[in-house]
Amino acid sequence: MKTVGRQQIIKVLSQKGFVIIEKKRHLFLVFTDGAGRQSDIRTFLSRGSGYNEYSLPLLKVMKNELRLERLQQLEELLNCPLSEQDYRALLVTQGDLT
């Protein structure tokens, strides 16, 4: 995984249980629990024109914010082999979500 487009990240995560909260400089993507309540699992994307593509250093930060152990898991989440249910189960197994 070299770079991922900001719009792809927004599209995929919003389809996988994340809600978008718009602020002036950033978009926050917050994971919701099964009942639609916001969890503390979140990441943010800059709205700046210099951040249309996210490179490896920023993807590593995002991996940690999304409570994933390996970069490959982030790649699977963004490229769709890892479904919302699988991601939710992974978070429950790790103790990050009840």
PDB file of N, CA and C in Angstrom:
ATOM      1  N   MET A   1       0.855  -1.169   0.000  1.00  0.00           N
ATOM      2  CA  MET A   1       0.000   0.000   0.000  1.00  0.00           C
ATOM      3  C   MET A   1       0.900   1.230   0.000  1.00  0.00           C
ATOM      4  N   LYS A   2       0.894   1.955  -1.086  1.00  0.00           N
ATOM      5  CA  LYS A   2       1.740   3.144  -1.182  1.00  0.00           C
ATOM      6  C   LYS A   2       0.968   4.392  -0.766  1.00  0.00           C
ATOM      7  N   THR A   3      -0.126   4.676  -1.448  1.00  0.00           N
ATOM      8  CA  THR A   3      -0.970   5.810  -1.081  1.00  0.00           C
ATOM      9  C   THR A   3      -2.428   5.421  -1.259  1.00  0.00           C
ATOM     10  N   VAL A   4      -3.299   6.128  -0.522  1.00  0.00           N
ATOM     11  CA  VAL A   4      -4.733   5.918  -0.637  1.00  0.00           C
ATOM     12  C   VAL A   4      -5.376   7.292  -0.712  1.00  0.00           C
ATOM     13  N   GLY A   5      -6.304   7.451  -1.623  1.00  0.00           N
ATOM     14  CA  GLY A   5      -6.978   8.729  -1.785  1.00  0.00           C
ATOM     15  C   GLY A   5      -7.920   9.046  -0.618  1.00  0.00           C
ATOM     16  N   ARG A   6      -7.988  10.312  -0.269  1.00  0.00           N
ATOM     17  CA  ARG A   6      -8.851  10.750   0.832  1.00  0.00           C
ATOM     18  C   ARG A   6     -10.307  10.382   0.556  1.00  0.00           C
ATOM     19  N   GLN A   7     -10.771  10.583  -0.661  1.00  0.00           N
ATOM     20  CA  GLN A   7     -12.167  10.278  -0.989  1.00  0.00           C
ATOM     21  C   GLN A   7     -12.456   8.786  -0.873  1.00  0.00           C
ATOM     22  N   GLN A   8     -11.479   7.942  -1.220  1.00  0.00           N
ATOM     23  CA  GLN A   8     -11.669   6.496  -1.082  1.00  0.00           C
ATOM     24  C   GLN A   8     -11.796   6.129   0.395  1.00  0.00           C
ATOM     25  N   ILE A   9     -10.973   6.733   1.238  1.00  0.00           N
ATOM     26  CA  ILE A   9     -11.028   6.460   2.675  1.00  0.00           C
ATOM     27  C   ILE A   9     -12.396   6.848   3.222  1.00  0.00           C
ATOM     28  N   ILE A  10     -12.871   8.028   2.860  1.00  0.00           N
ATOM     29  CA  ILE A  10     -14.174   8.502   3.338  1.00  0.00           C
ATOM     30  C   ILE A  10     -15.287   7.561   2.872  1.00  0.00           C
ATOM     31  N   LYS A  11     -15.258   7.207   1.605  1.00  0.00           N
ATOM     32  CA  LYS A  11     -16.302   6.351   1.040  1.00  0.00           C
ATOM     33  C   LYS A  11     -16.340   4.989   1.727  1.00  0.00           C
ATOM     34  N   VAL A  12     -15.189   4.371   1.848  1.00  0.00           N
ATOM     35  CA  VAL A  12     -15.137   3.015   2.404  1.00  0.00           C
ATOM     36  C   VAL A  12     -15.505   3.007   3.889  1.00  0.00           C
ATOM     37  N   LEU A  13     -14.920   3.916   4.667  1.00  0.00           N
ATOM     38  CA  LEU A  13     -15.197   3.904   6.095  1.00  0.00           C
ATOM     39  C   LEU A  13     -16.645   4.278   6.395  1.00  0.00           C
ATOM     40  N   SER A  14     -17.233   5.158   5.607  1.00  0.00           N
ATOM     41  CA  SER A  14     -18.637   5.503   5.845  1.00  0.00           C
ATOM     42  C   SER A  14     -19.556   4.328   5.527  1.00  0.00           C
ATOM     43  N   GLN A  15     -19.114   3.419   4.675  1.00  0.00           N
ATOM     44  CA  GLN A  15     -19.890   2.211   4.370  1.00  0.00           C
ATOM     45  C   GLN A  15     -19.682   1.122   5.413  1.00  0.00           C
ATOM     46  N   LYS A  16     -18.700   1.308   6.282  1.00  0.00           N
ATOM     47  CA  LYS A  16     -18.357   0.264   7.246  1.00  0.00           C
ATOM     48  C   LYS A  16     -18.606   0.679   8.684  1.00  0.00           C
ATOM     49  N   GLY A  17     -19.628   1.491   8.902  1.00  0.00           N
ATOM     50  CA  GLY A  17     -20.046   1.801  10.256  1.00  0.00           C
ATOM     51  C   GLY A  17     -19.477   3.072  10.851  1.00  0.00           C
ATOM     52  N   PHE A  18     -18.785   3.861  10.057  1.00  0.00           N
ATOM     53  CA  PHE A  18     -18.247   5.132  10.541  1.00  0.00           C
ATOM     54  C   PHE A  18     -19.186   6.264  10.149  1.00  0.00           C
ATOM     55  N   VAL A  19     -19.342   7.225  11.045  1.00  0.00           N
ATOM     56  CA  VAL A  19     -20.092   8.428  10.714  1.00  0.00           C
ATOM     57  C   VAL A  19     -19.093   9.560  10.512  1.00  0.00           C
ATOM     58  N   ILE A  20     -19.463  10.501   9.661  1.00  0.00           N
ATOM     59  CA  ILE A  20     -18.588  11.627   9.340  1.00  0.00           C
ATOM     60  C   ILE A  20     -19.036  12.840  10.137  1.00  0.00           C
ATOM     61  N   ILE A  21     -18.086  13.439  10.834  1.00  0.00           N
ATOM     62  CA  ILE A  21     -18.333  14.673  11.564  1.00  0.00           C
ATOM     63  C   ILE A  21     -17.427  15.729  10.941  1.00  0.00           C
ATOM     64  N   GLU A  22     -18.045  16.746  10.360  1.00  0.00           N
ATOM     65  CA  GLU A  22     -17.282  17.774   9.655  1.00  0.00           C
ATOM     66  C   GLU A  22     -16.926  18.915  10.597  1.00  0.00           C
ATOM     67  N   LYS A  23     -15.665  19.255  10.608  1.00  0.00           N
ATOM     68  CA  LYS A  23     -15.159  20.413  11.337  1.00  0.00           C
ATOM     69  C   LYS A  23     -14.515  21.348  10.318  1.00  0.00           C
ATOM     70  N   LYS A  24     -14.008  22.481  10.765  1.00  0.00           N
ATOM     71  CA  LYS A  24     -13.432  23.442   9.821  1.00  0.00           C
ATOM     72  C   LYS A  24     -12.254  22.872   9.043  1.00  0.00           C
ATOM     73  N   ARG A  25     -11.290  22.295   9.744  1.00  0.00           N
ATOM     74  CA  ARG A  25     -10.064  21.842   9.087  1.00  0.00           C
ATOM     75  C   ARG A  25     -10.011  20.345   8.834  1.00  0.00           C
ATOM     76  N   HIS A  26     -10.839  19.589   9.530  1.00  0.00           N
ATOM     77  CA  HIS A  26     -10.740  18.134   9.445  1.00  0.00           C
ATOM     78  C   HIS A  26     -12.114  17.498   9.304  1.00  0.00           C
ATOM     79  N   LEU A  27     -12.096  16.284   8.799  1.00  0.00           N
ATOM     80  CA  LEU A  27     -13.256  15.408   8.823  1.00  0.00           C
ATOM     81  C   LEU A  27     -12.943  14.310   9.829  1.00  0.00           C
ATOM     82  N   PHE A  28     -13.797  14.138  10.798  1.00  0.00           N
ATOM     83  CA  PHE A  28     -13.623  13.061  11.764  1.00  0.00           C
ATOM     84  C   PHE A  28     -14.496  11.896  11.343  1.00  0.00           C
ATOM     85  N   LEU A  29     -13.948  10.706  11.368  1.00  0.00           N
ATOM     86  CA  LEU A  29     -14.691   9.493  11.075  1.00  0.00           C
ATOM     87  C   LEU A  29     -14.740   8.690  12.369  1.00  0.00           C
ATOM     88  N   VAL A  30     -15.950   8.519  12.897  1.00  0.00           N
ATOM     89  CA  VAL A  30     -16.149   7.903  14.202  1.00  0.00           C
ATOM     90  C   VAL A  30     -16.911   6.601  14.016  1.00  0.00           C
ATOM     91  N   PHE A  31     -16.372   5.517  14.577  1.00  0.00           N
ATOM     92  CA  PHE A  31     -17.015   4.212  14.469  1.00  0.00           C
ATOM     93  C   PHE A  31     -18.194   4.148  15.431  1.00  0.00           C
ATOM     94  N   THR A  32     -19.293   3.596  14.974  1.00  0.00           N
ATOM     95  CA  THR A  32     -20.473   3.468  15.816  1.00  0.00           C
ATOM     96  C   THR A  32     -20.639   2.028  16.269  1.00  0.00           C
ATOM     97  N   ASP A  33     -21.221   1.869  17.454  1.00  0.00           N
ATOM     98  CA  ASP A  33     -21.496   0.517  17.928  1.00  0.00           C
ATOM     99  C   ASP A  33     -22.752  -0.003  17.237  1.00  0.00           C
ATOM    100  N   GLY A  34     -23.160  -1.192  17.580  1.00  0.00           N
ATOM    101  CA  GLY A  34     -24.306  -1.813  16.920  1.00  0.00           C
ATOM    102  C   GLY A  34     -25.594  -1.022  17.059  1.00  0.00           C
ATOM    103  N   ALA A  35     -25.713  -0.205  18.111  1.00  0.00           N
ATOM    104  CA  ALA A  35     -26.925   0.580  18.353  1.00  0.00           C
ATOM    105  C   ALA A  35     -26.838   1.976  17.756  1.00  0.00           C
ATOM    106  N   GLY A  36     -25.766   2.280  17.051  1.00  0.00           N
ATOM    107  CA  GLY A  36     -25.615   3.585  16.435  1.00  0.00           C
ATOM    108  C   GLY A  36     -24.957   4.634  17.311  1.00  0.00           C
ATOM    109  N   ARG A  37     -24.528   4.243  18.512  1.00  0.00           N
ATOM    110  CA  ARG A  37     -23.831   5.193  19.392  1.00  0.00           C
ATOM    111  C   ARG A  37     -22.370   5.292  18.971  1.00  0.00           C
ATOM    112  N   GLN A  38     -21.814   6.492  19.102  1.00  0.00           N
ATOM    113  CA  GLN A  38     -20.420   6.712  18.724  1.00  0.00           C
ATOM    114  C   GLN A  38     -19.486   6.066  19.739  1.00  0.00           C
ATOM    115  N   SER A  39     -18.456   5.413  19.230  1.00  0.00           N
ATOM    116  CA  SER A  39     -17.438   4.812  20.091  1.00  0.00           C
ATOM    117  C   SER A  39     -16.250   5.766  20.175  1.00  0.00           C
ATOM    118  N   ASP A  40     -15.233   5.362  20.896  1.00  0.00           N
ATOM    119  CA  ASP A  40     -14.026   6.188  20.966  1.00  0.00           C
ATOM    120  C   ASP A  40     -13.019   5.806  19.877  1.00  0.00           C
ATOM    121  N   ILE A  41     -13.427   4.973  18.959  1.00  0.00           N
ATOM    122  CA  ILE A  41     -12.574   4.592  17.828  1.00  0.00           C
ATOM    123  C   ILE A  41     -12.850   5.584  16.703  1.00  0.00           C
ATOM    124  N   ARG A  42     -11.829   6.374  16.392  1.00  0.00           N
ATOM    125  CA  ARG A  42     -12.009   7.449  15.415  1.00  0.00           C
ATOM    126  C   ARG A  42     -10.690   7.779  14.744  1.00  0.00           C
ATOM    127  N   THR A  43     -10.802   8.381  13.601  1.00  0.00           N
ATOM    128  CA  THR A  43      -9.647   8.914  12.901  1.00  0.00           C
ATOM    129  C   THR A  43     -10.068  10.226  12.265  1.00  0.00           C
ATOM    130  N   PHE A  44      -9.132  10.997  11.808  1.00  0.00           N
ATOM    131  CA  PHE A  44      -9.514  12.229  11.128  1.00  0.00           C
ATOM    132  C   PHE A  44      -8.694  12.411   9.867  1.00  0.00           C
ATOM    133  N   LEU A  45      -9.301  13.106   8.936  1.00  0.00           N
ATOM    134  CA  LEU A  45      -8.674  13.402   7.660  1.00  0.00           C
ATOM    135  C   LEU A  45      -8.632  14.915   7.493  1.00  0.00           C
ATOM    136  N   SER A  46      -7.525  15.410   7.040  1.00  0.00           N
ATOM    137  CA  SER A  46      -7.382  16.842   6.802  1.00  0.00           C
ATOM    138  C   SER A  46      -8.128  17.233   5.538  1.00  0.00           C
ATOM    139  N   ARG A  47      -8.715  18.407   5.565  1.00  0.00           N
ATOM    140  CA  ARG A  47      -9.394  18.931   4.384  1.00  0.00           C
ATOM    141  C   ARG A  47      -8.433  19.699   3.480  1.00  0.00           C
ATOM    142  N   GLY A  48      -7.205  19.873   3.899  1.00  0.00           N
ATOM    143  CA  GLY A  48      -6.233  20.644   3.133  1.00  0.00           C
ATOM    144  C   GLY A  48      -5.927  20.024   1.789  1.00  0.00           C
ATOM    145  N   SER A  49      -5.613  20.870   0.820  1.00  0.00           N
ATOM    146  CA  SER A  49      -5.353  20.393  -0.537  1.00  0.00           C
ATOM    147  C   SER A  49      -4.105  19.522  -0.621  1.00  0.00           C
ATOM    148  N   GLY A  50      -3.219  19.620   0.359  1.00  0.00           N
ATOM    149  CA  GLY A  50      -2.020  18.798   0.365  1.00  0.00           C
ATOM    150  C   GLY A  50      -2.259  17.375   0.851  1.00  0.00           C
ATOM    151  N   TYR A  51      -3.506  17.070   1.211  1.00  0.00           N
ATOM    152  CA  TYR A  51      -3.818  15.754   1.771  1.00  0.00           C
ATOM    153  C   TYR A  51      -4.870  15.019   0.946  1.00  0.00           C
ATOM    154  N   ASN A  52      -4.783  15.124  -0.366  1.00  0.00           N
ATOM    155  CA  ASN A  52      -5.696  14.371  -1.224  1.00  0.00           C
ATOM    156  C   ASN A  52      -5.310  12.906  -1.282  1.00  0.00           C
ATOM    157  N   GLU A  53      -4.044  12.621  -1.051  1.00  0.00           N
ATOM    158  CA  GLU A  53      -3.524  11.252  -1.004  1.00  0.00           C
ATOM    159  C   GLU A  53      -2.837  11.051   0.334  1.00  0.00           C
ATOM    160  N   TYR A  54      -3.090   9.925   0.968  1.00  0.00           N
ATOM    161  CA  TYR A  54      -2.470   9.608   2.249  1.00  0.00           C
ATOM    162  C   TYR A  54      -1.372   8.577   2.026  1.00  0.00           C
ATOM    163  N   SER A  55      -0.151   8.930   2.407  1.00  0.00           N
ATOM    164  CA  SER A  55       1.007   8.063   2.209  1.00  0.00           C
ATOM    165  C   SER A  55       1.244   7.208   3.456  1.00  0.00           C
ATOM    166  N   LEU A  56       2.258   6.379   3.390  1.00  0.00           N
ATOM    167  CA  LEU A  56       2.526   5.381   4.422  1.00  0.00           C
ATOM    168  C   LEU A  56       2.625   5.945   5.840  1.00  0.00           C
ATOM    169  N   PRO A  57       3.343   7.041   6.087  1.00  0.00           N
ATOM    170  CA  PRO A  57       3.409   7.547   7.473  1.00  0.00           C
ATOM    171  C   PRO A  57       2.032   7.900   8.051  1.00  0.00           C
ATOM    172  N   LEU A  58       1.173   8.530   7.248  1.00  0.00           N
ATOM    173  CA  LEU A  58      -0.167   8.871   7.737  1.00  0.00           C
ATOM    174  C   LEU A  58      -1.061   7.642   7.846  1.00  0.00           C
ATOM    175  N   LEU A  59      -0.857   6.672   6.970  1.00  0.00           N
ATOM    176  CA  LEU A  59      -1.633   5.431   7.052  1.00  0.00           C
ATOM    177  C   LEU A  59      -1.269   4.645   8.311  1.00  0.00           C
ATOM    178  N   LYS A  60      -0.009   4.725   8.726  1.00  0.00           N
ATOM    179  CA  LYS A  60       0.404   4.069   9.968  1.00  0.00           C
ATOM    180  C   LYS A  60      -0.278   4.710  11.173  1.00  0.00           C
ATOM    181  N   VAL A  61      -0.391   6.027  11.159  1.00  0.00           N
ATOM    182  CA  VAL A  61      -1.105   6.728  12.234  1.00  0.00           C
ATOM    183  C   VAL A  61      -2.573   6.308  12.232  1.00  0.00           C
ATOM    184  N   MET A  62      -3.174   6.246  11.056  1.00  0.00           N
ATOM    185  CA  MET A  62      -4.578   5.849  10.936  1.00  0.00           C
ATOM    186  C   MET A  62      -4.778   4.421  11.440  1.00  0.00           C
ATOM    187  N   LYS A  63      -3.851   3.545  11.130  1.00  0.00           N
ATOM    188  CA  LYS A  63      -3.924   2.158  11.601  1.00  0.00           C
ATOM    189  C   LYS A  63      -4.035   2.125  13.116  1.00  0.00           C
ATOM    190  N   ASN A  64      -3.211   2.912  13.784  1.00  0.00           N
ATOM    191  CA  ASN A  64      -3.243   2.949  15.244  1.00  0.00           C
ATOM    192  C   ASN A  64      -4.540   3.559  15.765  1.00  0.00           C
ATOM    193  N   GLU A  65      -5.009   4.618  15.127  1.00  0.00           N
ATOM    194  CA  GLU A  65      -6.252   5.258  15.555  1.00  0.00           C
ATOM    195  C   GLU A  65      -7.444   4.319  15.406  1.00  0.00           C
ATOM    196  N   LEU A  66      -7.414   3.463  14.387  1.00  0.00           N
ATOM    197  CA  LEU A  66      -8.508   2.524  14.152  1.00  0.00           C
ATOM    198  C   LEU A  66      -8.326   1.217  14.919  1.00  0.00           C
ATOM    199  N   ARG A  67      -7.281   1.182  15.767  1.00  0.00           N
ATOM    200  CA  ARG A  67      -6.994   0.051  16.654  1.00  0.00           C
ATOM    201  C   ARG A  67      -6.702  -1.248  15.900  1.00  0.00           C
ATOM    202  N   LEU A  68      -5.992  -1.106  14.806  1.00  0.00           N
ATOM    203  CA  LEU A  68      -5.576  -2.271  14.036  1.00  0.00           C
ATOM    204  C   LEU A  68      -4.133  -2.584  14.379  1.00  0.00           C
ATOM    205  N   GLU A  69      -3.795  -3.858  14.369  1.00  0.00           N
ATOM    206  CA  GLU A  69      -2.452  -4.278  14.769  1.00  0.00           C
ATOM    207  C   GLU A  69      -1.453  -4.242  13.616  1.00  0.00           C
ATOM    208  N   ARG A  70      -1.930  -4.497  12.411  1.00  0.00           N
ATOM    209  CA  ARG A  70      -1.036  -4.571  11.259  1.00  0.00           C
ATOM    210  C   ARG A  70      -1.522  -3.659  10.143  1.00  0.00           C
ATOM    211  N   LEU A  71      -0.607  -3.146   9.369  1.00  0.00           N
ATOM    212  CA  LEU A  71      -0.948  -2.303   8.224  1.00  0.00           C
ATOM    213  C   LEU A  71      -1.768  -3.091   7.203  1.00  0.00           C
ATOM    214  N   GLN A  72      -1.538  -4.380   7.129  1.00  0.00           N
ATOM    215  CA  GLN A  72      -2.290  -5.231   6.210  1.00  0.00           C
ATOM    216  C   GLN A  72      -3.783  -5.216   6.563  1.00  0.00           C
ATOM    217  N   GLN A  73      -4.109  -5.129   7.854  1.00  0.00           N
ATOM    218  CA  GLN A  73      -5.510  -5.063   8.262  1.00  0.00           C
ATOM    219  C   GLN A  73      -6.155  -3.770   7.766  1.00  0.00           C
ATOM    220  N   LEU A  74      -5.418  -2.667   7.814  1.00  0.00           N
ATOM    221  CA  LEU A  74      -5.941  -1.404   7.281  1.00  0.00           C
ATOM    222  C   LEU A  74      -6.158  -1.522   5.784  1.00  0.00           C
ATOM    223  N   GLU A  75      -5.211  -2.133   5.105  1.00  0.00           N
ATOM    224  CA  GLU A  75      -5.344  -2.321   3.665  1.00  0.00           C
ATOM    225  C   GLU A  75      -6.579  -3.158   3.349  1.00  0.00           C
ATOM    226  N   GLU A  76      -6.811  -4.212   4.122  1.00  0.00           N
ATOM    227  CA  GLU A  76      -7.993  -5.050   3.914  1.00  0.00           C
ATOM    228  C   GLU A  76      -9.280  -4.281   4.214  1.00  0.00           C
ATOM    229  N   LEU A  77      -9.255  -3.440   5.228  1.00  0.00           N
ATOM    230  CA  LEU A  77     -10.425  -2.626   5.559  1.00  0.00           C
ATOM    231  C   LEU A  77     -10.735  -1.649   4.429  1.00  0.00           C
ATOM    232  N   LEU A  78      -9.714  -1.011   3.884  1.00  0.00           N
ATOM    233  CA  LEU A  78      -9.919  -0.012   2.834  1.00  0.00           C
ATOM    234  C   LEU A  78     -10.168  -0.622   1.467  1.00  0.00           C
ATOM    235  N   ASN A  79      -9.719  -1.845   1.236  1.00  0.00           N
ATOM    236  CA  ASN A  79      -9.914  -2.495  -0.062  1.00  0.00           C
ATOM    237  C   ASN A  79     -11.044  -3.504  -0.048  1.00  0.00           C
ATOM    238  N   CYS A  80     -11.776  -3.564   1.039  1.00  0.00           N
ATOM    239  CA  CYS A  80     -13.036  -4.286   1.193  1.00  0.00           C
ATOM    240  C   CYS A  80     -13.001  -5.783   1.502  1.00  0.00           C
ATOM    241  N   PRO A  81     -11.892  -6.495   1.577  1.00  0.00           N
ATOM    242  CA  PRO A  81     -11.990  -7.880   2.040  1.00  0.00           C
ATOM    243  C   PRO A  81     -12.431  -7.961   3.513  1.00  0.00           C
ATOM    244  N   LEU A  82     -12.135  -6.928   4.304  1.00  0.00           N
ATOM    245  CA  LEU A  82     -12.526  -6.900   5.710  1.00  0.00           C
ATOM    246  C   LEU A  82     -13.838  -6.128   5.816  1.00  0.00           C
ATOM    247  N   SER A  83     -14.922  -6.855   6.101  1.00  0.00           N
ATOM    248  CA  SER A  83     -16.245  -6.233   6.163  1.00  0.00           C
ATOM    249  C   SER A  83     -16.443  -5.513   7.489  1.00  0.00           C
ATOM    250  N   GLU A  84     -17.540  -4.779   7.585  1.00  0.00           N
ATOM    251  CA  GLU A  84     -17.870  -4.097   8.839  1.00  0.00           C
ATOM    252  C   GLU A  84     -18.027  -5.112   9.969  1.00  0.00           C
ATOM    253  N   GLN A  85     -18.687  -6.231   9.706  1.00  0.00           N
ATOM    254  CA  GLN A  85     -18.881  -7.258  10.726  1.00  0.00           C
ATOM    255  C   GLN A  85     -17.551  -7.863  11.165  1.00  0.00           C
ATOM    256  N   ASP A  86     -16.661  -8.106  10.211  1.00  0.00           N
ATOM    257  CA  ASP A  86     -15.346  -8.653  10.543  1.00  0.00           C
ATOM    258  C   ASP A  86     -14.532  -7.655  11.366  1.00  0.00           C
ATOM    259  N   TYR A  87     -14.608  -6.374  10.994  1.00  0.00           N
ATOM    260  CA  TYR A  87     -13.887  -5.335  11.728  1.00  0.00           C
ATOM    261  C   TYR A  87     -14.443  -5.225  13.147  1.00  0.00           C
ATOM    262  N   ARG A  88     -15.762  -5.239  13.263  1.00  0.00           N
ATOM    263  CA  ARG A  88     -16.400  -5.171  14.582  1.00  0.00           C
ATOM    264  C   ARG A  88     -15.978  -6.371  15.440  1.00  0.00           C
ATOM    265  N   ALA A  89     -15.970  -7.569  14.849  1.00  0.00           N
ATOM    266  CA  ALA A  89     -15.560  -8.774  15.582  1.00  0.00           C
ATOM    267  C   ALA A  89     -14.101  -8.688  16.012  1.00  0.00           C
ATOM    268  N   LEU A  90     -13.251  -8.143  15.160  1.00  0.00           N
ATOM    269  CA  LEU A  90     -11.838  -7.962  15.488  1.00  0.00           C
ATOM    270  C   LEU A  90     -11.679  -7.024  16.684  1.00  0.00           C
ATOM    271  N   LEU A  91     -12.427  -5.926  16.697  1.00  0.00           N
ATOM    272  CA  LEU A  91     -12.364  -4.971  17.797  1.00  0.00           C
ATOM    273  C   LEU A  91     -12.866  -5.592  19.096  1.00  0.00           C
ATOM    274  N   VAL A  92     -13.898  -6.396  19.032  1.00  0.00           N
ATOM    275  CA  VAL A  92     -14.424  -7.076  20.222  1.00  0.00           C
ATOM    276  C   VAL A  92     -13.400  -8.068  20.747  1.00  0.00           C
ATOM    277  N   THR A  93     -12.782  -8.833  19.842  1.00  0.00           N
ATOM    278  CA  THR A  93     -11.766  -9.813  20.224  1.00  0.00           C
ATOM    279  C   THR A  93     -10.577  -9.145  20.905  1.00  0.00           C
ATOM    280  N   GLN A  94     -10.186  -7.977  20.417  1.00  0.00           N
ATOM    281  CA  GLN A  94      -9.056  -7.246  20.995  1.00  0.00           C
ATOM    282  C   GLN A  94      -9.439  -6.506  22.265  1.00  0.00           C
ATOM    283  N   GLY A  95     -10.728  -6.452  22.592  1.00  0.00           N
ATOM    284  CA  GLY A  95     -11.184  -5.744  23.781  1.00  0.00           C
ATOM    285  C   GLY A  95     -11.369  -4.251  23.594  1.00  0.00           C
ATOM    286  N   ASP A  96     -11.380  -3.780  22.343  1.00  0.00           N
ATOM    287  CA  ASP A  96     -11.527  -2.360  22.055  1.00  0.00           C
ATOM    288  C   ASP A  96     -12.986  -1.939  21.903  1.00  0.00           C
ATOM    289  N   LEU A  97     -13.891  -2.905  21.789  1.00  0.00           N
ATOM    290  CA  LEU A  97     -15.309  -2.623  21.624  1.00  0.00           C
ATOM    291  C   LEU A  97     -16.078  -3.695  22.360  1.00  0.00           C
ATOM    292  N   THR A  98     -17.148  -3.279  23.007  1.00  0.00           N
ATOM    293  CA  THR A  98     -17.957  -4.275  23.744  1.00  0.00           C
ATOM    294  C   THR A  98     -19.187  -4.658  22.979  1.00  0.00           C
TER     295      THR A  98
END
